[in-house]
PDB file of all heavy atoms in Angstrom:
ATOM      1  N   ILE A   1     112.448 115.064  97.919  1.00  0.00           N
ATOM      2  CA  ILE A   1     111.765 115.255  96.594  1.00  0.00           C
ATOM      3  C   ILE A   1     112.795 116.074  95.868  1.00  0.00           C
ATOM      4  O   ILE A   1     113.127 117.267  96.306  1.00  0.00           O
ATOM      5  CB  ILE A   1     110.488 115.989  96.786  1.00  0.00           C
ATOM      6  CG1 ILE A   1     109.513 115.252  97.698  1.00  0.00           C
ATOM      7  CG2 ILE A   1     109.831 116.200  95.392  1.00  0.00           C
ATOM      8  CD1 ILE A   1     108.410 116.103  98.141  1.00  0.00           C
ATOM      9  N   LEU A   2     113.153 115.552  94.711  1.00  0.00           N
ATOM     10  CA  LEU A   2     114.205 116.304  93.756  1.00  0.00           C
ATOM     11  C   LEU A   2     113.448 116.659  92.532  1.00  0.00           C
ATOM     12  O   LEU A   2     112.881 115.887  91.702  1.00  0.00           O
ATOM     13  CB  LEU A   2     115.231 115.362  93.420  1.00  0.00           C
ATOM     14  CG  LEU A   2     116.203 114.911  94.510  1.00  0.00           C
ATOM     15  CD1 LEU A   2     117.389 113.957  93.931  1.00  0.00           C
ATOM     16  CD2 LEU A   2     116.771 116.144  95.128  1.00  0.00           C
ATOM     17  N   PHE A   3     113.288 117.984  92.368  1.00  0.00           N
ATOM     18  CA  PHE A   3     112.751 118.596  91.094  1.00  0.00           C
ATOM     19  C   PHE A   3     114.033 118.955  90.213  1.00  0.00           C
ATOM     20  O   PHE A   3     114.947 119.538  90.652  1.00  0.00           O
ATOM     21  CB  PHE A   3     112.060 119.817  91.445  1.00  0.00           C
ATOM     22  CG  PHE A   3     110.657 119.713  92.101  1.00  0.00           C
ATOM     23  CD1 PHE A   3     110.540 119.910  93.382  1.00  0.00           C
ATOM     24  CD2 PHE A   3     109.629 119.417  91.233  1.00  0.00           C
ATOM     25  CE1 PHE A   3     109.246 119.615  94.032  1.00  0.00           C
ATOM     26  CE2 PHE A   3     108.401 119.104  91.866  1.00  0.00           C
ATOM     27  CZ  PHE A   3     108.258 119.342  93.240  1.00  0.00           C
ATOM     28  N   LYS A   4     113.888 118.482  89.024  1.00  0.00           N
ATOM     29  CA  LYS A   4     114.941 118.655  88.082  1.00  0.00           C
ATOM     30  C   LYS A   4     114.926 119.995  87.400  1.00  0.00           C
ATOM     31  O   LYS A   4     115.718 120.282  86.548  1.00  0.00           O
ATOM     32  CB  LYS A   4     114.970 117.587  86.887  1.00  0.00           C
ATOM     33  CG  LYS A   4     115.449 116.183  87.590  1.00  0.00           C
ATOM     34  CD  LYS A   4     115.581 115.157  86.445  1.00  0.00           C
ATOM     35  CE  LYS A   4     115.929 113.822  87.027  1.00  0.00           C
ATOM     36  NZ  LYS A   4     116.036 112.750  85.924  1.00  0.00           N
ATOM     37  N   GLY A   5     114.105 120.915  87.936  1.00  0.00           N
ATOM     38  CA  GLY A   5     114.068 122.346  87.337  1.00  0.00           C
ATOM     39  C   GLY A   5     112.820 122.853  87.918  1.00  0.00           C
ATOM     40  O   GLY A   5     111.828 122.188  88.216  1.00  0.00           O
ATOM     41  N   SER A   6     112.732 124.195  88.109  1.00  0.00           N
ATOM     42  CA  SER A   6     111.643 125.002  88.656  1.00  0.00           C
ATOM     43  C   SER A   6     110.492 124.796  87.482  1.00  0.00           C
ATOM     44  O   SER A   6     109.344 125.075  87.924  1.00  0.00           O
ATOM     45  CB  SER A   6     111.969 126.448  88.973  1.00  0.00           C
ATOM     46  OG  SER A   6     112.618 127.042  87.739  1.00  0.00           O
ATOM     47  N   ASN A   7     110.734 124.517  86.291  1.00  0.00           N
ATOM     48  CA  ASN A   7     109.657 124.320  85.370  1.00  0.00           C
ATOM     49  C   ASN A   7     108.782 123.229  85.688  1.00  0.00           C
ATOM     50  O   ASN A   7     107.660 123.254  85.438  1.00  0.00           O
ATOM     51  CB  ASN A   7     110.259 124.267  83.958  1.00  0.00           C
ATOM     52  CG  ASN A   7     111.325 123.215  83.740  1.00  0.00           C
ATOM     53  OD1 ASN A   7     112.100 123.095  84.757  1.00  0.00           O
ATOM     54  ND2 ASN A   7     111.397 122.432  82.735  1.00  0.00           N
ATOM     55  N   PHE A   8     109.361 122.335  86.286  1.00  0.00           N
ATOM     56  CA  PHE A   8     108.612 121.038  86.786  1.00  0.00           C
ATOM     57  C   PHE A   8     107.769 121.257  87.973  1.00  0.00           C
ATOM     58  O   PHE A   8     106.902 120.472  88.339  1.00  0.00           O
ATOM     59  CB  PHE A   8     109.497 119.771  86.948  1.00  0.00           C
ATOM     60  CG  PHE A   8     110.319 119.400  85.550  1.00  0.00           C
ATOM     61  CD1 PHE A   8     111.483 119.371  85.573  1.00  0.00           C
ATOM     62  CD2 PHE A   8     109.511 119.205  84.599  1.00  0.00           C
ATOM     63  CE1 PHE A   8     112.258 119.138  84.488  1.00  0.00           C
ATOM     64  CE2 PHE A   8     110.236 118.886  83.371  1.00  0.00           C
ATOM     65  CZ  PHE A   8     111.558 118.885  83.198  1.00  0.00           C
ATOM     66  N   ILE A   9     108.225 122.367  88.824  1.00  0.00           N
ATOM     67  CA  ILE A   9     107.375 122.781  89.916  1.00  0.00           C
ATOM     68  C   ILE A   9     105.972 123.340  89.362  1.00  0.00           C
ATOM     69  O   ILE A   9     104.916 122.962  89.777  1.00  0.00           O
ATOM     70  CB  ILE A   9     108.135 123.919  90.758  1.00  0.00           C
ATOM     71  CG1 ILE A   9     109.143 123.287  91.507  1.00  0.00           C
ATOM     72  CG2 ILE A   9     107.122 124.495  91.761  1.00  0.00           C
ATOM     73  CD1 ILE A   9     110.046 124.260  92.248  1.00  0.00           C
ATOM     74  N   ASP A  10     106.206 124.252  88.335  1.00  0.00           N
ATOM     75  CA  ASP A  10     104.888 124.749  87.667  1.00  0.00           C
ATOM     76  C   ASP A  10     104.118 123.527  87.085  1.00  0.00           C
ATOM     77  O   ASP A  10     102.747 123.491  87.242  1.00  0.00           O
ATOM     78  CB  ASP A  10     105.402 125.635  86.584  1.00  0.00           C
ATOM     79  CG  ASP A  10     105.446 127.059  87.084  1.00  0.00           C
ATOM     80  OD1 ASP A  10     105.444 127.267  88.250  1.00  0.00           O
ATOM     81  OD2 ASP A  10     105.696 127.982  86.308  1.00  0.00           O
ATOM     82  N   ALA A  11     104.745 122.792  86.433  1.00  0.00           N
ATOM     83  CA  ALA A  11     104.052 121.534  85.736  1.00  0.00           C
ATOM     84  C   ALA A  11     103.361 120.663  86.638  1.00  0.00           C
ATOM     85  O   ALA A  11     102.104 120.358  86.490  1.00  0.00           O
ATOM     86  CB  ALA A  11     104.930 120.657  84.882  1.00  0.00           C
ATOM     87  N   LEU A  12     103.867 120.324  87.848  1.00  0.00           N
ATOM     88  CA  LEU A  12     103.319 119.421  88.732  1.00  0.00           C
ATOM     89  C   LEU A  12     102.138 120.018  89.483  1.00  0.00           C
ATOM     90  O   LEU A  12     101.117 119.500  89.923  1.00  0.00           O
ATOM     91  CB  LEU A  12     104.314 118.830  89.837  1.00  0.00           C
ATOM     92  CG  LEU A  12     103.913 117.705  90.688  1.00  0.00           C
ATOM     93  CD1 LEU A  12     103.507 116.506  89.914  1.00  0.00           C
ATOM     94  CD2 LEU A  12     105.130 117.394  91.669  1.00  0.00           C
ATOM     95  N   SER A  13     102.268 121.390  89.705  1.00  0.00           N
ATOM     96  CA  SER A  13     101.236 122.071  90.344  1.00  0.00           C
ATOM     97  C   SER A  13      99.827 122.110  89.510  1.00  0.00           C
ATOM     98  O   SER A  13      98.796 122.271  90.122  1.00  0.00           O
ATOM     99  CB  SER A  13     101.593 123.646  90.690  1.00  0.00           C
ATOM    100  OG  SER A  13     101.662 124.341  89.422  1.00  0.00           O
ATOM    101  N   GLU A  14      99.977 121.898  88.257  1.00  0.00           N
ATOM    102  CA  GLU A  14      98.755 121.813  87.338  1.00  0.00           C
ATOM    103  C   GLU A  14      98.307 120.434  87.111  1.00  0.00           C
ATOM    104  O   GLU A  14      97.231 120.236  86.436  1.00  0.00           O
ATOM    105  CB  GLU A  14      99.257 122.305  85.978  1.00  0.00           C
ATOM    106  CG  GLU A  14      99.683 123.843  86.050  1.00  0.00           C
ATOM    107  CD  GLU A  14      98.744 124.837  86.552  1.00  0.00           C
ATOM    108  OE1 GLU A  14      97.530 124.583  86.291  1.00  0.00           O
ATOM    109  OE2 GLU A  14      99.173 125.857  87.188  1.00  0.00           O
ATOM    110  N   VAL A  15      98.863 119.444  87.614  1.00  0.00           N
ATOM    111  CA  VAL A  15      98.511 118.025  87.449  1.00  0.00           C
ATOM    112  C   VAL A  15      97.084 117.734  88.006  1.00  0.00           C
ATOM    113  O   VAL A  15      96.850 118.128  89.271  1.00  0.00           O
ATOM    114  CB  VAL A  15      99.473 117.109  88.084  1.00  0.00           C
ATOM    115  CG1 VAL A  15      98.925 115.693  88.118  1.00  0.00           C
ATOM    116  CG2 VAL A  15     100.760 117.009  87.131  1.00  0.00           C
ATOM    117  N   ASP A  16      96.256 117.221  87.218  1.00  0.00           N
ATOM    118  CA  ASP A  16      94.850 116.730  87.650  1.00  0.00           C
ATOM    119  C   ASP A  16      94.635 115.171  87.532  1.00  0.00           C
ATOM    120  O   ASP A  16      93.551 114.819  87.878  1.00  0.00           O
ATOM    121  CB  ASP A  16      93.763 117.611  87.166  1.00  0.00           C
ATOM    122  CG  ASP A  16      93.737 117.549  85.750  1.00  0.00           C
ATOM    123  OD1 ASP A  16      94.601 116.841  84.992  1.00  0.00           O
ATOM    124  OD2 ASP A  16      92.796 118.040  84.958  1.00  0.00           O
ATOM    125  N   THR A  17      95.603 114.590  86.802  1.00  0.00           N
ATOM    126  CA  THR A  17      95.419 113.190  86.596  1.00  0.00           C
ATOM    127  C   THR A  17      96.786 112.472  86.872  1.00  0.00           C
ATOM    128  O   THR A  17      97.714 112.981  86.375  1.00  0.00           O
ATOM    129  CB  THR A  17      95.040 112.953  85.105  1.00  0.00           C
ATOM    130  OG1 THR A  17      93.850 113.498  84.733  1.00  0.00           O
ATOM    131  CG2 THR A  17      94.993 111.396  84.880  1.00  0.00           C
ATOM    132  N   VAL A  18      96.742 111.464  87.751  1.00  0.00           N
ATOM    133  CA  VAL A  18      97.914 110.765  88.080  1.00  0.00           C
ATOM    134  C   VAL A  18      97.785 109.234  87.663  1.00  0.00           C
ATOM    135  O   VAL A  18      96.771 108.641  87.963  1.00  0.00           O
ATOM    136  CB  VAL A  18      98.214 110.840  89.565  1.00  0.00           C
ATOM    137  CG1 VAL A  18      99.425 109.952  89.901  1.00  0.00           C
ATOM    138  CG2 VAL A  18      98.470 112.270  89.988  1.00  0.00           C
ATOM    139  N   VAL A  19      98.808 108.847  86.843  1.00  0.00           N
ATOM    140  CA  VAL A  19      98.848 107.545  86.356  1.00  0.00           C
ATOM    141  C   VAL A  19     100.053 106.743  87.132  1.00  0.00           C
ATOM    142  O   VAL A  19     101.181 107.231  87.205  1.00  0.00           O
ATOM    143  CB  VAL A  19      99.048 107.498  84.880  1.00  0.00           C
ATOM    144  CG1 VAL A  19      99.098 106.015  84.378  1.00  0.00           C
ATOM    145  CG2 VAL A  19      98.098 108.161  84.197  1.00  0.00           C
ATOM    146  N   PHE A  20      99.635 105.564  87.823  1.00  0.00           N
ATOM    147  CA  PHE A  20     100.604 104.759  88.448  1.00  0.00           C
ATOM    148  C   PHE A  20     101.051 103.544  87.762  1.00  0.00           C
ATOM    149  O   PHE A  20     100.140 102.880  87.120  1.00  0.00           O
ATOM    150  CB  PHE A  20     100.015 104.365  89.877  1.00  0.00           C
ATOM    151  CG  PHE A  20      99.888 105.456  90.813  1.00  0.00           C
ATOM    152  CD1 PHE A  20      98.570 106.087  90.896  1.00  0.00           C
ATOM    153  CD2 PHE A  20     100.959 105.924  91.617  1.00  0.00           C
ATOM    154  CE1 PHE A  20      98.405 107.011  91.782  1.00  0.00           C
ATOM    155  CE2 PHE A  20     100.687 107.064  92.391  1.00  0.00           C
ATOM    156  CZ  PHE A  20      99.522 107.518  92.590  1.00  0.00           C
ATOM    157  N   ASP A  21     102.243 103.108  87.800  1.00  0.00           N
ATOM    158  CA  ASP A  21     102.606 101.751  87.524  1.00  0.00           C
ATOM    159  C   ASP A  21     102.332 100.985  88.710  1.00  0.00           C
ATOM    160  O   ASP A  21     102.029 101.561  89.820  1.00  0.00           O
ATOM    161  CB  ASP A  21     104.124 101.688  87.231  1.00  0.00           C
ATOM    162  CG  ASP A  21     104.670 100.339  87.089  1.00  0.00           C
ATOM    163  OD1 ASP A  21     104.019  99.559  86.337  1.00  0.00           O
ATOM    164  OD2 ASP A  21     105.740  99.954  87.696  1.00  0.00           O
ATOM    165  N   LYS A  22     102.219  99.661  88.611  1.00  0.00           N
ATOM    166  CA  LYS A  22     101.877  98.961  89.809  1.00  0.00           C
ATOM    167  C   LYS A  22     103.014  98.381  90.632  1.00  0.00           C
ATOM    168  O   LYS A  22     103.262  98.801  91.849  1.00  0.00           O
ATOM    169  CB  LYS A  22     100.872  97.775  89.431  1.00  0.00           C
ATOM    170  CG  LYS A  22     100.460  96.778  90.503  1.00  0.00           C
ATOM    171  CD  LYS A  22      99.699  95.661  90.110  1.00  0.00           C
ATOM    172  CE  LYS A  22     100.564  94.583  89.523  1.00  0.00           C
ATOM    173  NZ  LYS A  22     101.446  93.928  90.436  1.00  0.00           N
ATOM    174  N   THR A  23     103.792  97.488  89.899  1.00  0.00           N
ATOM    175  CA  THR A  23     104.828  96.765  90.701  1.00  0.00           C
ATOM    176  C   THR A  23     105.969  97.729  91.121  1.00  0.00           C
ATOM    177  O   THR A  23     106.516  98.421  90.200  1.00  0.00           O
ATOM    178  CB  THR A  23     105.442  95.637  89.839  1.00  0.00           C
ATOM    179  OG1 THR A  23     104.409  94.823  89.428  1.00  0.00           O
ATOM    180  CG2 THR A  23     106.423  94.867  90.569  1.00  0.00           C
ATOM    181  N   GLY A  24     106.266  97.736  92.382  1.00  0.00           N
ATOM    182  CA  GLY A  24     107.297  98.604  92.838  1.00  0.00           C
ATOM    183  C   GLY A  24     106.820 100.074  93.025  1.00  0.00           C
ATOM    184  O   GLY A  24     107.692 100.766  93.718  1.00  0.00           O
TER     185      GLY A  24
END
């Protein structure tokens, strides 16, 4: 898992909605 910055660690920890593409 590659985080492009520690700011995205904070951001992902707050996620409560996940949206997926389908194909691939």
